[in-house]
Amino acid sequence: MLEREQLIHEIENTPDILVKEVLNFLLFIKSKKQLSTSQDSLSQDTQIPSFLTFIDELNAETSQELTTKLPEDFAQNLDYYLYGNPKQ
């Protein structure tokens, strides 16, 4: 007996409450498999840039005028500029 036939046979002899649980589980597995398959094809189709490439792109988009307006102690006193904590 094939697995599909055995499954159908078991479902026919199972109470409805359990059939509902099995159906929910089956739908969950199918959707998870479909999501996994679509993510795999997406990752193969698009090339994800590395983190350093992403940072380089951000730096290229930032104007020189904006970077000169930043305080010189920005990195050292980041919490001060973000949250108002006392300067170091």
Foldseek 3Di string as FASTA:
>chain_A
DDPVVVVVVVLVVDDPVVVVVVVVVVVVVVVVVVVVVVVVVVCVVDPDDDPVVVVVVVVVPDDPVVVVPDDPCCVQQVCCVPPVDDHD
